[in-house]
Amino acid sequence: MTLFTNGFVTLKIPKDFKTVVNKGDFVELSLINPQIPLSIKFLTTPTLAGLTDLKVHIEETYKNSPIELNTSDFVAIGEDIYYYAVTSIADGKEIRRNEFFYIRDNNLYTFEFAYPYADAELDQFYLNIIDSLKINKAKYIVEDDGYYLNED
């Protein structure tokens, strides 16, 4: 088993997945599986919002969008509550994105799984990856006027 760690979090990397160059300011880990069309992104973002605020924002964002919000709900994973959103778009190719959001200590942890279609067999796979997340300490210290990297 391969592990990803950055000092703030530890996460299992699934078998047959390869790390790709991170794109984006808050992307911690990007993975692809060369054998199947599945990609995984893990992000950590500073936030002062709660999960309910995030849910309302996402639902509002997708109201008048070509991207369809298929699912928007809360789900328990282990002992934690996550906000779960499934979006899809058919723009020549079907793309389905399952996103799981978790907030702790003003840090938003996001798992994004992109796959061409719904596949119930992948649900447990997603949950196993999410359940492997171990948060060692908050990456960002968030205050009303901004945030900074936690160097403690």
C-alpha atoms as a PDB file:
ATOM      1  CA  MET A   1       0.000   0.000   0.000  1.00  0.00           C
ATOM      2  CA  THR A   2       1.283   3.457  -0.902  1.00  0.00           C
ATOM      3  CA  LEU A   3       0.577   6.468   1.287  1.00  0.00           C
ATOM      4  CA  PHE A   4       0.486  10.158   0.482  1.00  0.00           C
ATOM      5  CA  THR A   5       1.489  12.573   3.225  1.00  0.00           C
ATOM      6  CA  ASN A   6       2.313  16.244   3.311  1.00  0.00           C
ATOM      7  CA  GLY A   7       2.756  16.603   7.066  1.00  0.00           C
ATOM      8  CA  PHE A   8      -0.821  17.780   7.486  1.00  0.00           C
ATOM      9  CA  VAL A   9      -2.734  14.741   6.194  1.00  0.00           C
ATOM     10  CA  THR A  10      -2.089  11.120   5.290  1.00  0.00           C
ATOM     11  CA  LEU A  11      -4.105   9.308   2.649  1.00  0.00           C
ATOM     12  CA  LYS A  12      -3.963   5.886   0.990  1.00  0.00           C
ATOM     13  CA  ILE A  13      -3.210   5.877  -2.730  1.00  0.00           C
ATOM     14  CA  PRO A  14      -5.226   3.128  -4.427  1.00  0.00           C
ATOM     15  CA  LYS A  15      -3.493   0.372  -6.367  1.00  0.00           C
ATOM     16  CA  ASP A  16      -2.875   1.088 -10.072  1.00  0.00           C
ATOM     17  CA  PHE A  17      -3.175   4.873  -9.655  1.00  0.00           C
ATOM     18  CA  LYS A  18      -0.420   7.214 -10.749  1.00  0.00           C
ATOM     19  CA  THR A  19       0.322  10.664  -9.370  1.00  0.00           C
ATOM     20  CA  VAL A  20       0.080  13.520 -11.858  1.00  0.00           C
ATOM     21  CA  VAL A  21       1.283  17.097 -11.561  1.00  0.00           C
ATOM     22  CA  ASN A  22      -1.024  19.106  -9.316  1.00  0.00           C
ATOM     23  CA  LYS A  23      -2.925  21.875 -11.037  1.00  0.00           C
ATOM     24  CA  GLY A  24      -4.445  24.528  -8.820  1.00  0.00           C
ATOM     25  CA  ASP A  25      -3.457  26.397  -5.710  1.00  0.00           C
ATOM     26  CA  PHE A  26      -5.111  24.102  -3.200  1.00  0.00           C
ATOM     27  CA  VAL A  27      -4.720  20.713  -4.923  1.00  0.00           C
ATOM     28  CA  GLU A  28      -2.746  18.384  -2.661  1.00  0.00           C
ATOM     29  CA  LEU A  29      -2.912  15.235  -4.767  1.00  0.00           C
ATOM     30  CA  SER A  30      -4.043  14.327  -8.294  1.00  0.00           C
ATOM     31  CA  LEU A  31      -4.276  10.703  -9.382  1.00  0.00           C
ATOM     32  CA  ILE A  32      -5.248   8.910 -12.564  1.00  0.00           C
ATOM     33  CA  ASN A  33      -5.693   5.263 -13.363  1.00  0.00           C
ATOM     34  CA  PRO A  34      -4.250   4.509 -16.812  1.00  0.00           C
ATOM     35  CA  GLN A  35      -6.399   1.348 -17.060  1.00  0.00           C
ATOM     36  CA  ILE A  36      -9.803   2.979 -16.496  1.00  0.00           C
ATOM     37  CA  PRO A  37     -11.057   6.546 -17.072  1.00  0.00           C
ATOM     38  CA  LEU A  38     -11.082   7.512 -13.381  1.00  0.00           C
ATOM     39  CA  SER A  39      -9.325  10.478 -11.830  1.00  0.00           C
ATOM     40  CA  ILE A  40      -9.094  11.539  -8.199  1.00  0.00           C
ATOM     41  CA  LYS A  41      -8.260  14.935  -6.741  1.00  0.00           C
ATOM     42  CA  PHE A  42      -7.764  15.799  -3.099  1.00  0.00           C
ATOM     43  CA  LEU A  43      -7.784  19.450  -2.052  1.00  0.00           C
ATOM     44  CA  THR A  44      -7.381  21.412   1.171  1.00  0.00           C
ATOM     45  CA  THR A  45      -8.818  24.928   1.229  1.00  0.00           C
ATOM     46  CA  PRO A  46      -9.088  27.495   4.025  1.00  0.00           C
ATOM     47  CA  THR A  47     -12.702  28.385   4.839  1.00  0.00           C
ATOM     48  CA  LEU A  48     -14.878  30.189   7.345  1.00  0.00           C
ATOM     49  CA  ALA A  49     -18.026  28.550   5.919  1.00  0.00           C
ATOM     50  CA  GLY A  50     -19.774  25.481   7.270  1.00  0.00           C
ATOM     51  CA  LEU A  51     -21.042  22.457   5.352  1.00  0.00           C
ATOM     52  CA  THR A  52     -24.590  23.830   5.244  1.00  0.00           C
ATOM     53  CA  ASP A  53     -23.303  27.097   3.738  1.00  0.00           C
ATOM     54  CA  LEU A  54     -21.337  25.099   1.178  1.00  0.00           C
ATOM     55  CA  LYS A  55     -24.408  23.025   0.259  1.00  0.00           C
ATOM     56  CA  VAL A  56     -26.524  26.152  -0.277  1.00  0.00           C
ATOM     57  CA  HIS A  57     -23.766  27.763  -2.366  1.00  0.00           C
ATOM     58  CA  ILE A  58     -23.310  24.702  -4.602  1.00  0.00           C
ATOM     59  CA  GLU A  59     -27.058  24.258  -5.121  1.00  0.00           C
ATOM     60  CA  GLU A  60     -27.381  27.940  -6.058  1.00  0.00           C
ATOM     61  CA  THR A  61     -24.372  27.763  -8.402  1.00  0.00           C
ATOM     62  CA  TYR A  62     -25.782  24.850 -10.412  1.00  0.00           C
ATOM     63  CA  LYS A  63     -29.369  26.168 -10.708  1.00  0.00           C
ATOM     64  CA  ASN A  64     -28.809  27.849 -14.077  1.00  0.00           C
ATOM     65  CA  SER A  65     -25.839  25.874 -15.290  1.00  0.00           C
ATOM     66  CA  PRO A  66     -25.281  23.352 -18.083  1.00  0.00           C
ATOM     67  CA  ILE A  67     -23.849  21.147 -15.354  1.00  0.00           C
ATOM     68  CA  GLU A  68     -26.566  19.081 -13.686  1.00  0.00           C
ATOM     69  CA  LEU A  69     -26.553  18.657  -9.908  1.00  0.00           C
ATOM     70  CA  ASN A  70     -27.778  15.061  -9.510  1.00  0.00           C
ATOM     71  CA  THR A  71     -27.271  14.668  -5.752  1.00  0.00           C
ATOM     72  CA  SER A  72     -26.808  17.164  -2.936  1.00  0.00           C
ATOM     73  CA  ASP A  73     -26.933  15.714   0.567  1.00  0.00           C
ATOM     74  CA  PHE A  74     -25.102  14.991   3.785  1.00  0.00           C
ATOM     75  CA  VAL A  75     -23.597  11.579   4.429  1.00  0.00           C
ATOM     76  CA  ALA A  76     -21.877   9.963   7.415  1.00  0.00           C
ATOM     77  CA  ILE A  77     -18.491   8.420   6.682  1.00  0.00           C
ATOM     78  CA  GLY A  78     -17.032   6.769   9.738  1.00  0.00           C
ATOM     79  CA  GLU A  79     -17.746   9.193  12.573  1.00  0.00           C
ATOM     80  CA  ASP A  80     -17.683  12.294  10.371  1.00  0.00           C
ATOM     81  CA  ILE A  81     -20.371  14.132   8.404  1.00  0.00           C
ATOM     82  CA  TYR A  82     -19.571  15.022   4.798  1.00  0.00           C
ATOM     83  CA  TYR A  83     -21.471  17.031   2.228  1.00  0.00           C
ATOM     84  CA  TYR A  84     -21.832  14.959  -0.942  1.00  0.00           C
ATOM     85  CA  ALA A  85     -22.524  16.401  -4.405  1.00  0.00           C
ATOM     86  CA  VAL A  86     -22.787  14.536  -7.693  1.00  0.00           C
ATOM     87  CA  THR A  87     -22.682  16.556 -10.898  1.00  0.00           C
ATOM     88  CA  SER A  88     -22.733  15.529 -14.531  1.00  0.00           C
ATOM     89  CA  ILE A  89     -22.350  17.134 -17.906  1.00  0.00           C
ATOM     90  CA  ALA A  90     -22.824  15.694 -21.369  1.00  0.00           C
ATOM     91  CA  ASP A  91     -20.651  17.801 -23.632  1.00  0.00           C
ATOM     92  CA  GLY A  92     -19.687  15.315 -26.305  1.00  0.00           C
ATOM     93  CA  LYS A  93     -18.529  12.958 -23.564  1.00  0.00           C
ATOM     94  CA  GLU A  94     -20.384  12.200 -20.361  1.00  0.00           C
ATOM     95  CA  ILE A  95     -18.484  13.307 -17.276  1.00  0.00           C
ATOM     96  CA  ARG A  96     -19.734  12.546 -13.790  1.00  0.00           C
ATOM     97  CA  ARG A  97     -18.129  14.040 -10.724  1.00  0.00           C
ATOM     98  CA  ASN A  98     -18.652  12.760  -7.179  1.00  0.00           C
ATOM     99  CA  GLU A  99     -17.423  15.267  -4.609  1.00  0.00           C
ATOM    100  CA  PHE A 100     -17.189  14.796  -0.866  1.00  0.00           C
ATOM    101  CA  PHE A 101     -16.561  17.811   1.390  1.00  0.00           C
ATOM    102  CA  TYR A 102     -15.473  17.769   5.033  1.00  0.00           C
ATOM    103  CA  ILE A 103     -14.642  20.735   7.274  1.00  0.00           C
ATOM    104  CA  ARG A 104     -12.465  20.642  10.370  1.00  0.00           C
ATOM    105  CA  ASP A 105     -10.648  23.549  12.038  1.00  0.00           C
ATOM    106  CA  ASN A 106     -11.644  25.920   9.202  1.00  0.00           C
ATOM    107  CA  ASN A 107     -10.006  23.672   6.611  1.00  0.00           C
ATOM    108  CA  LEU A 108     -12.185  22.292   3.816  1.00  0.00           C
ATOM    109  CA  TYR A 109     -11.059  18.841   2.646  1.00  0.00           C
ATOM    110  CA  THR A 110     -12.428  17.918  -0.781  1.00  0.00           C
ATOM    111  CA  PHE A 111     -12.342  14.591  -2.607  1.00  0.00           C
ATOM    112  CA  GLU A 112     -13.248  14.747  -6.283  1.00  0.00           C
ATOM    113  CA  PHE A 113     -13.796  11.530  -8.240  1.00  0.00           C
ATOM    114  CA  ALA A 114     -14.392  11.945 -11.999  1.00  0.00           C
ATOM    115  CA  TYR A 115     -15.698   9.035 -14.066  1.00  0.00           C
ATOM    116  CA  PRO A 116     -17.773   8.862 -17.283  1.00  0.00           C
ATOM    117  CA  TYR A 117     -20.917   7.409 -15.690  1.00  0.00           C
ATOM    118  CA  ALA A 118     -22.548   6.227 -12.468  1.00  0.00           C
ATOM    119  CA  ASP A 119     -21.142   2.960 -11.209  1.00  0.00           C
ATOM    120  CA  ALA A 120     -22.438   1.565  -7.926  1.00  0.00           C
ATOM    121  CA  GLU A 121     -19.353  -0.649  -7.629  1.00  0.00           C
ATOM    122  CA  LEU A 122     -17.219   2.473  -7.247  1.00  0.00           C
ATOM    123  CA  ASP A 123     -19.180   3.796  -4.261  1.00  0.00           C
ATOM    124  CA  GLN A 124     -17.361   1.586  -1.756  1.00  0.00           C
ATOM    125  CA  PHE A 125     -14.047   2.358  -3.476  1.00  0.00           C
ATOM    126  CA  TYR A 126     -14.679   6.086  -2.941  1.00  0.00           C
ATOM    127  CA  LEU A 127     -15.647   5.571   0.689  1.00  0.00           C
ATOM    128  CA  ASN A 128     -12.536   3.484   1.401  1.00  0.00           C
ATOM    129  CA  ILE A 129     -10.270   6.244   0.097  1.00  0.00           C
ATOM    130  CA  ILE A 130     -12.105   8.919   2.073  1.00  0.00           C
ATOM    131  CA  ASP A 131     -12.085   6.779   5.210  1.00  0.00           C
ATOM    132  CA  SER A 132      -8.290   6.442   4.927  1.00  0.00           C
ATOM    133  CA  LEU A 133      -7.856  10.213   5.473  1.00  0.00           C
ATOM    134  CA  LYS A 134      -5.943  10.969   8.661  1.00  0.00           C
ATOM    135  CA  ILE A 135      -5.699  14.642   9.567  1.00  0.00           C
ATOM    136  CA  ASN A 136      -2.565  15.329  11.582  1.00  0.00           C
ATOM    137  CA  LYS A 137      -3.113  19.087  11.918  1.00  0.00           C
ATOM    138  CA  ALA A 138      -4.851  21.911  10.094  1.00  0.00           C
ATOM    139  CA  LYS A 139      -2.872  23.112   7.089  1.00  0.00           C
ATOM    140  CA  TYR A 140      -4.273  26.630   7.269  1.00  0.00           C
ATOM    141  CA  ILE A 141      -4.893  28.952  10.178  1.00  0.00           C
ATOM    142  CA  VAL A 142      -7.952  30.971   9.207  1.00  0.00           C
ATOM    143  CA  GLU A 143      -8.865  34.342  10.662  1.00  0.00           C
ATOM    144  CA  ASP A 144     -11.511  36.915   9.727  1.00  0.00           C
ATOM    145  CA  ASP A 145      -9.036  38.897   7.637  1.00  0.00           C
ATOM    146  CA  GLY A 146      -7.364  35.982   5.846  1.00  0.00           C
ATOM    147  CA  TYR A 147      -5.384  32.806   6.312  1.00  0.00           C
ATOM    148  CA  TYR A 148      -1.809  31.604   6.578  1.00  0.00           C
ATOM    149  CA  LEU A 149       0.052  28.306   6.470  1.00  0.00           C
ATOM    150  CA  ASN A 150       0.213  26.493   9.812  1.00  0.00           C
ATOM    151  CA  GLU A 151       3.932  26.150  10.506  1.00  0.00           C
ATOM    152  CA  ASP A 152       3.642  24.732  14.047  1.00  0.00           C
END
